[in-house]
Amino acid sequence: MEIIVTLLIGAVAGWLGSLIYRGSDLGLLGNIIVGLIGAPLGYWILGKLGVTLGGGWIGAILTGAIGAIVILFLINLIFRKK
C-alpha cells in the first residue's frame, strides 16, 4: 500500500511541477519519475534553507513539486529545443 501512495504522491508532484514549469511534456510516466526523484531533492533543498512545508500528503506533494521544478529546469537546460 505504501508504494501505491508513494507513486501517487510522485505523480501529483511531477504533474504539479510540470504545470508550474511549462516547456516540457514528459507524460504520466515521466511526471511520476520526475516527482519521485524531485521529492528527495526538494527535501534536501528546503532542508538547506531551513524551510519545512509541514508533514502529510500536502507537504510531501509541495516539496516534491519544488524538486520536480528544479529537475525540469535542469532537463530543459541540458536538452534545450532549438
PDB file of N, CA and C in Angstrom:
ATOM      1  N   MET A   1       0.823  -1.194   0.000  1.00  0.00           N
ATOM      2  CA  MET A   1       0.000   0.000   0.000  1.00  0.00           C
ATOM      3  C   MET A   1       0.867   1.259   0.000  1.00  0.00           C
ATOM      4  N   GLU A   2       2.000   1.210   0.696  1.00  0.00           N
ATOM      5  CA  GLU A   2       2.873   2.380   0.759  1.00  0.00           C
ATOM      6  C   GLU A   2       3.449   2.726  -0.599  1.00  0.00           C
ATOM      7  N   ILE A   3       3.749   1.727  -1.409  1.00  0.00           N
ATOM      8  CA  ILE A   3       4.323   2.007  -2.719  1.00  0.00           C
ATOM      9  C   ILE A   3       3.294   2.691  -3.622  1.00  0.00           C
ATOM     10  N   ILE A   4       2.036   2.342  -3.480  1.00  0.00           N
ATOM     11  CA  ILE A   4       0.980   2.991  -4.268  1.00  0.00           C
ATOM     12  C   ILE A   4       0.851   4.448  -3.859  1.00  0.00           C
ATOM     13  N   VAL A   5       0.888   4.711  -2.563  1.00  0.00           N
ATOM     14  CA  VAL A   5       0.804   6.084  -2.068  1.00  0.00           C
ATOM     15  C   VAL A   5       2.016   6.888  -2.540  1.00  0.00           C
ATOM     16  N   THR A   6       3.190   6.281  -2.497  1.00  0.00           N
ATOM     17  CA  THR A   6       4.407   6.951  -2.953  1.00  0.00           C
ATOM     18  C   THR A   6       4.318   7.293  -4.435  1.00  0.00           C
ATOM     19  N   LEU A   7       3.830   6.352  -5.247  1.00  0.00           N
ATOM     20  CA  LEU A   7       3.671   6.611  -6.674  1.00  0.00           C
ATOM     21  C   LEU A   7       2.644   7.704  -6.937  1.00  0.00           C
ATOM     22  N   LEU A   8       1.553   7.703  -6.174  1.00  0.00           N
ATOM     23  CA  LEU A   8       0.530   8.742  -6.336  1.00  0.00           C
ATOM     24  C   LEU A   8       1.075  10.126  -5.974  1.00  0.00           C
ATOM     25  N   ILE A   9       1.787  10.199  -4.866  1.00  0.00           N
ATOM     26  CA  ILE A   9       2.380  11.480  -4.455  1.00  0.00           C
ATOM     27  C   ILE A   9       3.406  11.936  -5.485  1.00  0.00           C
ATOM     28  N   GLY A  10       4.228  11.011  -5.981  1.00  0.00           N
ATOM     29  CA  GLY A  10       5.206  11.351  -7.007  1.00  0.00           C
ATOM     30  C   GLY A  10       4.552  11.818  -8.289  1.00  0.00           C
ATOM     31  N   ALA A  11       3.461  11.157  -8.684  1.00  0.00           N
ATOM     32  CA  ALA A  11       2.754  11.551  -9.902  1.00  0.00           C
ATOM     33  C   ALA A  11       2.152  12.935  -9.766  1.00  0.00           C
ATOM     34  N   VAL A  12       1.516  13.205  -8.632  1.00  0.00           N
ATOM     35  CA  VAL A  12       0.903  14.518  -8.424  1.00  0.00           C
ATOM     36  C   VAL A  12       1.976  15.598  -8.330  1.00  0.00           C
ATOM     37  N   ALA A  13       3.068  15.306  -7.631  1.00  0.00           N
ATOM     38  CA  ALA A  13       4.152  16.286  -7.514  1.00  0.00           C
ATOM     39  C   ALA A  13       4.779  16.575  -8.872  1.00  0.00           C
ATOM     40  N   GLY A  14       5.016  15.552  -9.676  1.00  0.00           N
ATOM     41  CA  GLY A  14       5.564  15.757 -11.016  1.00  0.00           C
ATOM     42  C   GLY A  14       4.603  16.501 -11.922  1.00  0.00           C
ATOM     43  N   TRP A  15       3.322  16.167 -11.833  1.00  0.00           N
ATOM     44  CA  TRP A  15       2.307  16.858 -12.634  1.00  0.00           C
ATOM     45  C   TRP A  15       2.223  18.332 -12.237  1.00  0.00           C
ATOM     46  N   LEU A  16       2.219  18.589 -10.928  1.00  0.00           N
ATOM     47  CA  LEU A  16       2.166  19.973 -10.454  1.00  0.00           C
ATOM     48  C   LEU A  16       3.411  20.740 -10.875  1.00  0.00           C
ATOM     49  N   GLY A  17       4.556  20.095 -10.785  1.00  0.00           N
ATOM     50  CA  GLY A  17       5.799  20.730 -11.228  1.00  0.00           C
ATOM     51  C   GLY A  17       5.780  21.049 -12.715  1.00  0.00           C
ATOM     52  N   SER A  18       5.209  20.133 -13.522  1.00  0.00           N
ATOM     53  CA  SER A  18       5.150  20.384 -14.966  1.00  0.00           C
ATOM     54  C   SER A  18       4.139  21.479 -15.303  1.00  0.00           C
ATOM     55  N   LEU A  19       3.114  21.642 -14.471  1.00  0.00           N
ATOM     56  CA  LEU A  19       2.170  22.747 -14.687  1.00  0.00           C
ATOM     57  C   LEU A  19       2.818  24.090 -14.370  1.00  0.00           C
ATOM     58  N   ILE A  20       3.595  24.118 -13.306  1.00  0.00           N
ATOM     59  CA  ILE A  20       4.232  25.368 -12.890  1.00  0.00           C
ATOM     60  C   ILE A  20       5.380  25.716 -13.823  1.00  0.00           C
ATOM     61  N   TYR A  21       6.206  24.723 -14.150  1.00  0.00           N
ATOM     62  CA  TYR A  21       7.338  24.953 -15.054  1.00  0.00           C
ATOM     63  C   TYR A  21       6.957  24.421 -16.424  1.00  0.00           C
ATOM     64  N   ARG A  22       6.434  25.275 -17.230  1.00  0.00           N
ATOM     65  CA  ARG A  22       5.988  24.865 -18.567  1.00  0.00           C
ATOM     66  C   ARG A  22       7.180  24.711 -19.499  1.00  0.00           C
ATOM     67  N   GLY A  23       6.954  23.961 -20.553  1.00  0.00           N
ATOM     68  CA  GLY A  23       8.002  23.812 -21.542  1.00  0.00           C
ATOM     69  C   GLY A  23       8.466  22.381 -21.711  1.00  0.00           C
ATOM     70  N   SER A  24       8.006  21.490 -20.855  1.00  0.00           N
ATOM     71  CA  SER A  24       8.390  20.093 -21.018  1.00  0.00           C
ATOM     72  C   SER A  24       7.177  19.223 -20.748  1.00  0.00           C
ATOM     73  N   ASP A  25       6.873  18.368 -21.691  1.00  0.00           N
ATOM     74  CA  ASP A  25       5.760  17.451 -21.542  1.00  0.00           C
ATOM     75  C   ASP A  25       6.333  16.043 -21.528  1.00  0.00           C
ATOM     76  N   LEU A  26       6.440  15.477 -20.343  1.00  0.00           N
ATOM     77  CA  LEU A  26       7.056  14.160 -20.202  1.00  0.00           C
ATOM     78  C   LEU A  26       6.043  13.035 -20.127  1.00  0.00           C
ATOM     79  N   GLY A  27       4.766  13.354 -20.046  1.00  0.00           N
ATOM     80  CA  GLY A  27       3.734  12.329 -19.935  1.00  0.00           C
ATOM     81  C   GLY A  27       3.604  11.827 -18.507  1.00  0.00           C
ATOM     82  N   LEU A  28       2.705  10.880 -18.313  1.00  0.00           N
ATOM     83  CA  LEU A  28       2.409  10.380 -16.971  1.00  0.00           C
ATOM     84  C   LEU A  28       3.614   9.692 -16.341  1.00  0.00           C
ATOM     85  N   LEU A  29       4.261   8.799 -17.072  1.00  0.00           N
ATOM     86  CA  LEU A  29       5.415   8.079 -16.520  1.00  0.00           C
ATOM     87  C   LEU A  29       6.564   9.035 -16.222  1.00  0.00           C
ATOM     88  N   GLY A  30       6.786   9.989 -17.113  1.00  0.00           N
ATOM     89  CA  GLY A  30       7.829  10.987 -16.884  1.00  0.00           C
ATOM     90  C   GLY A  30       7.535  11.842 -15.666  1.00  0.00           C
ATOM     91  N   ASN A  31       6.262  12.226 -15.483  1.00  0.00           N
ATOM     92  CA  ASN A  31       5.874  13.003 -14.308  1.00  0.00           C
ATOM     93  C   ASN A  31       6.090  12.218 -13.023  1.00  0.00           C
ATOM     94  N   ILE A  32       5.765  10.934 -13.036  1.00  0.00           N
ATOM     95  CA  ILE A  32       5.973  10.098 -11.851  1.00  0.00           C
ATOM     96  C   ILE A  32       7.463  10.031 -11.517  1.00  0.00           C
ATOM     97  N   ILE A  33       8.280   9.808 -12.531  1.00  0.00           N
ATOM     98  CA  ILE A  33       9.729   9.696 -12.307  1.00  0.00           C
ATOM     99  C   ILE A  33      10.299  11.014 -11.798  1.00  0.00           C
ATOM    100  N   VAL A  34       9.906  12.122 -12.441  1.00  0.00           N
ATOM    101  CA  VAL A  34      10.399  13.436 -12.012  1.00  0.00           C
ATOM    102  C   VAL A  34       9.922  13.743 -10.597  1.00  0.00           C
ATOM    103  N   GLY A  35       8.681  13.396 -10.273  1.00  0.00           N
ATOM    104  CA  GLY A  35       8.165  13.633  -8.926  1.00  0.00           C
ATOM    105  C   GLY A  35       8.864  12.791  -7.875  1.00  0.00           C
ATOM    106  N   LEU A  36       9.142  11.525  -8.204  1.00  0.00           N
ATOM    107  CA  LEU A  36       9.824  10.641  -7.249  1.00  0.00           C
ATOM    108  C   LEU A  36      11.269  11.062  -7.024  1.00  0.00           C
ATOM    109  N   ILE A  37      11.933  11.514  -8.076  1.00  0.00           N
ATOM    110  CA  ILE A  37      13.301  11.998  -7.926  1.00  0.00           C
ATOM    111  C   ILE A  37      13.305  13.385  -7.301  1.00  0.00           C
ATOM    112  N   GLY A  38      12.284  14.165  -7.627  1.00  0.00           N
ATOM    113  CA  GLY A  38      12.207  15.526  -7.120  1.00  0.00           C
ATOM    114  C   GLY A  38      11.921  15.624  -5.633  1.00  0.00           C
ATOM    115  N   ALA A  39      11.226  14.642  -5.081  1.00  0.00           N
ATOM    116  CA  ALA A  39      10.887  14.703  -3.654  1.00  0.00           C
ATOM    117  C   ALA A  39      12.131  14.749  -2.763  1.00  0.00           C
ATOM    118  N   PRO A  40      13.080  13.817  -2.902  1.00  0.00           N
ATOM    119  CA  PRO A  40      14.277  13.926  -2.060  1.00  0.00           C
ATOM    120  C   PRO A  40      15.084  15.192  -2.335  1.00  0.00           C
ATOM    121  N   LEU A  41      15.118  15.603  -3.599  1.00  0.00           N
ATOM    122  CA  LEU A  41      15.826  16.829  -3.943  1.00  0.00           C
ATOM    123  C   LEU A  41      15.154  18.035  -3.292  1.00  0.00           C
ATOM    124  N   GLY A  42      13.833  18.063  -3.314  1.00  0.00           N
ATOM    125  CA  GLY A  42      13.095  19.149  -2.674  1.00  0.00           C
ATOM    126  C   GLY A  42      13.317  19.185  -1.172  1.00  0.00           C
ATOM    127  N   TYR A  43      13.301  18.002  -0.536  1.00  0.00           N
ATOM    128  CA  TYR A  43      13.569  17.943   0.906  1.00  0.00           C
ATOM    129  C   TYR A  43      14.987  18.415   1.212  1.00  0.00           C
ATOM    130  N   TRP A  44      15.931  18.059   0.357  1.00  0.00           N
ATOM    131  CA  TRP A  44      17.315  18.476   0.577  1.00  0.00           C
ATOM    132  C   TRP A  44      17.452  19.988   0.434  1.00  0.00           C
ATOM    133  N   ILE A  45      16.875  20.538  -0.638  1.00  0.00           N
ATOM    134  CA  ILE A  45      16.966  21.984  -0.870  1.00  0.00           C
ATOM    135  C   ILE A  45      16.297  22.754   0.261  1.00  0.00           C
ATOM    136  N   LEU A  46      15.085  22.357   0.615  1.00  0.00           N
ATOM    137  CA  LEU A  46      14.372  23.066   1.676  1.00  0.00           C
ATOM    138  C   LEU A  46      15.063  22.885   3.024  1.00  0.00           C
ATOM    139  N   GLY A  47      15.673  21.726   3.245  1.00  0.00           N
ATOM    140  CA  GLY A  47      16.423  21.498   4.485  1.00  0.00           C
ATOM    141  C   GLY A  47      17.626  22.418   4.591  1.00  0.00           C
ATOM    142  N   LYS A  48      18.315  22.615   3.466  1.00  0.00           N
ATOM    143  CA  LYS A  48      19.466  23.524   3.462  1.00  0.00           C
ATOM    144  C   LYS A  48      19.043  24.967   3.715  1.00  0.00           C
ATOM    145  N   LEU A  49      17.834  25.313   3.283  1.00  0.00           N
ATOM    146  CA  LEU A  49      17.315  26.663   3.502  1.00  0.00           C
ATOM    147  C   LEU A  49      16.639  26.821   4.864  1.00  0.00           C
ATOM    148  N   GLY A  50      16.459  25.707   5.573  1.00  0.00           N
ATOM    149  CA  GLY A  50      15.811  25.747   6.885  1.00  0.00           C
ATOM    150  C   GLY A  50      14.307  25.935   6.800  1.00  0.00           C
ATOM    151  N   VAL A  51      13.712  25.472   5.697  1.00  0.00           N
ATOM    152  CA  VAL A  51      12.278  25.639   5.471  1.00  0.00           C
ATOM    153  C   VAL A  51      11.612  24.278   5.510  1.00  0.00           C
ATOM    154  N   THR A  52      10.428  24.200   6.091  1.00  0.00           N
ATOM    155  CA  THR A  52       9.635  22.985   6.052  1.00  0.00           C
ATOM    156  C   THR A  52       8.211  23.346   5.637  1.00  0.00           C
ATOM    157  N   LEU A  53       7.630  22.499   4.828  1.00  0.00           N
ATOM    158  CA  LEU A  53       6.266  22.737   4.371  1.00  0.00           C
ATOM    159  C   LEU A  53       5.256  21.886   5.129  1.00  0.00           C
ATOM    160  N   GLY A  54       5.679  21.329   6.223  1.00  0.00           N
ATOM    161  CA  GLY A  54       4.786  20.523   7.048  1.00  0.00           C
ATOM    162  C   GLY A  54       4.805  19.065   6.641  1.00  0.00           C
ATOM    163  N   GLY A  55       4.089  18.288   7.411  1.00  0.00           N
ATOM    164  CA  GLY A  55       4.025  16.865   7.139  1.00  0.00           C
ATOM    165  C   GLY A  55       2.759  16.509   6.390  1.00  0.00           C
ATOM    166  N   GLY A  56       2.582  15.255   6.173  1.00  0.00           N
ATOM    167  CA  GLY A  56       1.388  14.792   5.489  1.00  0.00           C
ATOM    168  C   GLY A  56       1.517  14.849   3.983  1.00  0.00           C
ATOM    169  N   TRP A  57       0.396  14.585   3.340  1.00  0.00           N
ATOM    170  CA  TRP A  57       0.362  14.484   1.888  1.00  0.00           C
ATOM    171  C   TRP A  57       0.632  15.822   1.213  1.00  0.00           C
ATOM    172  N   ILE A  58       0.049  16.872   1.721  1.00  0.00           N
ATOM    173  CA  ILE A  58       0.186  18.177   1.075  1.00  0.00           C
ATOM    174  C   ILE A  58       1.632  18.661   1.138  1.00  0.00           C
ATOM    175  N   GLY A  59       2.266  18.518   2.287  1.00  0.00           N
ATOM    176  CA  GLY A  59       3.668  18.900   2.413  1.00  0.00           C
ATOM    177  C   GLY A  59       4.562  18.082   1.502  1.00  0.00           C
ATOM    178  N   ALA A  60       4.286  16.778   1.398  1.00  0.00           N
ATOM    179  CA  ALA A  60       5.085  15.915   0.521  1.00  0.00           C
ATOM    180  C   ALA A  60       4.891  16.283  -0.941  1.00  0.00           C
ATOM    181  N   ILE A  61       3.665  16.591  -1.335  1.00  0.00           N
ATOM    182  CA  ILE A  61       3.393  16.960  -2.725  1.00  0.00           C
ATOM    183  C   ILE A  61       4.056  18.290  -3.067  1.00  0.00           C
ATOM    184  N   LEU A  62       3.937  19.273  -2.187  1.00  0.00           N
ATOM    185  CA  LEU A  62       4.548  20.576  -2.455  1.00  0.00           C
ATOM    186  C   LEU A  62       6.074  20.496  -2.493  1.00  0.00           C
ATOM    187  N   THR A  63       6.640  19.728  -1.576  1.00  0.00           N
ATOM    188  CA  THR A  63       8.089  19.554  -1.562  1.00  0.00           C
ATOM    189  C   THR A  63       8.558  18.817  -2.816  1.00  0.00           C
ATOM    190  N   GLY A  64       7.832  17.775  -3.203  1.00  0.00           N
ATOM    191  CA  GLY A  64       8.157  17.053  -4.431  1.00  0.00           C
ATOM    192  C   GLY A  64       8.016  17.924  -5.662  1.00  0.00           C
ATOM    193  N   ALA A  65       7.018  18.806  -5.660  1.00  0.00           N
ATOM    194  CA  ALA A  65       6.822  19.712  -6.788  1.00  0.00           C
ATOM    195  C   ALA A  65       7.981  20.693  -6.907  1.00  0.00           C
ATOM    196  N   ILE A  66       8.482  21.172  -5.780  1.00  0.00           N
ATOM    197  CA  ILE A  66       9.637  22.074  -5.815  1.00  0.00           C
ATOM    198  C   ILE A  66      10.851  21.350  -6.397  1.00  0.00           C
ATOM    199  N   GLY A  67      11.084  20.133  -5.950  1.00  0.00           N
ATOM    200  CA  GLY A  67      12.184  19.345  -6.514  1.00  0.00           C
ATOM    201  C   GLY A  67      11.964  19.033  -7.988  1.00  0.00           C
ATOM    202  N   ALA A  68      10.709  18.760  -8.368  1.00  0.00           N
ATOM    203  CA  ALA A  68      10.398  18.479  -9.770  1.00  0.00           C
ATOM    204  C   ALA A  68      10.649  19.699 -10.645  1.00  0.00           C
ATOM    205  N   ILE A  69      10.341  20.882 -10.131  1.00  0.00           N
ATOM    206  CA  ILE A  69      10.590  22.108 -10.894  1.00  0.00           C
ATOM    207  C   ILE A  69      12.086  22.277 -11.139  1.00  0.00           C
ATOM    208  N   VAL A  70      12.893  21.997 -10.125  1.00  0.00           N
ATOM    209  CA  VAL A  70      14.351  22.089 -10.287  1.00  0.00           C
ATOM    210  C   VAL A  70      14.831  21.080 -11.330  1.00  0.00           C
ATOM    211  N   ILE A  71      14.319  19.863 -11.268  1.00  0.00           N
ATOM    212  CA  ILE A  71      14.724  18.837 -12.234  1.00  0.00           C
ATOM    213  C   ILE A  71      14.274  19.207 -13.643  1.00  0.00           C
ATOM    214  N   LEU A  72      13.043  19.705 -13.785  1.00  0.00           N
ATOM    215  CA  LEU A  72      12.559  20.119 -15.102  1.00  0.00           C
ATOM    216  C   LEU A  72      13.389  21.270 -15.652  1.00  0.00           C
ATOM    217  N   PHE A  73      13.794  22.183 -14.785  1.00  0.00           N
ATOM    218  CA  PHE A  73      14.665  23.274 -15.221  1.00  0.00           C
ATOM    219  C   PHE A  73      15.982  22.722 -15.750  1.00  0.00           C
ATOM    220  N   LEU A  74      16.565  21.773 -15.031  1.00  0.00           N
ATOM    221  CA  LEU A  74      17.836  21.190 -15.466  1.00  0.00           C
ATOM    222  C   LEU A  74      17.679  20.394 -16.753  1.00  0.00           C
ATOM    223  N   ILE A  75      16.578  19.657 -16.880  1.00  0.00           N
ATOM    224  CA  ILE A  75      16.333  18.895 -18.108  1.00  0.00           C
ATOM    225  C   ILE A  75      16.215  19.842 -19.295  1.00  0.00           C
ATOM    226  N   ASN A  76      15.458  20.926 -19.123  1.00  0.00           N
ATOM    227  CA  ASN A  76      15.298  21.886 -20.218  1.00  0.00           C
ATOM    228  C   ASN A  76      16.594  22.633 -20.509  1.00  0.00           C
ATOM    229  N   LEU A  77      17.428  22.809 -19.505  1.00  0.00           N
ATOM    230  CA  LEU A  77      18.710  23.472 -19.706  1.00  0.00           C
ATOM    231  C   LEU A  77      19.651  22.579 -20.516  1.00  0.00           C
ATOM    232  N   ILE A  78      19.636  21.292 -20.215  1.00  0.00           N
ATOM    233  CA  ILE A  78      20.532  20.350 -20.904  1.00  0.00           C
ATOM    234  C   ILE A  78      20.014  20.005 -22.298  1.00  0.00           C
ATOM    235  N   PHE A  79      18.717  19.691 -22.394  1.00  0.00           N
ATOM    236  CA  PHE A  79      18.123  19.266 -23.667  1.00  0.00           C
ATOM    237  C   PHE A  79      17.258  20.371 -24.244  1.00  0.00           C
ATOM    238  N   ARG A  80      17.843  21.515 -24.438  1.00  0.00           N
ATOM    239  CA  ARG A  80      17.111  22.674 -24.946  1.00  0.00           C
ATOM    240  C   ARG A  80      16.680  22.439 -26.386  1.00  0.00           C
ATOM    241  N   LYS A  81      15.413  22.745 -26.656  1.00  0.00           N
ATOM    242  CA  LYS A  81      14.902  22.621 -28.028  1.00  0.00           C
ATOM    243  C   LYS A  81      15.418  23.779 -28.855  1.00  0.00           C
ATOM    244  N   LYS A  82      15.758  23.483 -30.079  1.00  0.00           N
ATOM    245  CA  LYS A  82      16.306  24.518 -30.957  1.00  0.00           C
ATOM    246  C   LYS A  82      15.289  24.960 -31.968  1.00  0.00           C
TER     247      LYS A  82
END
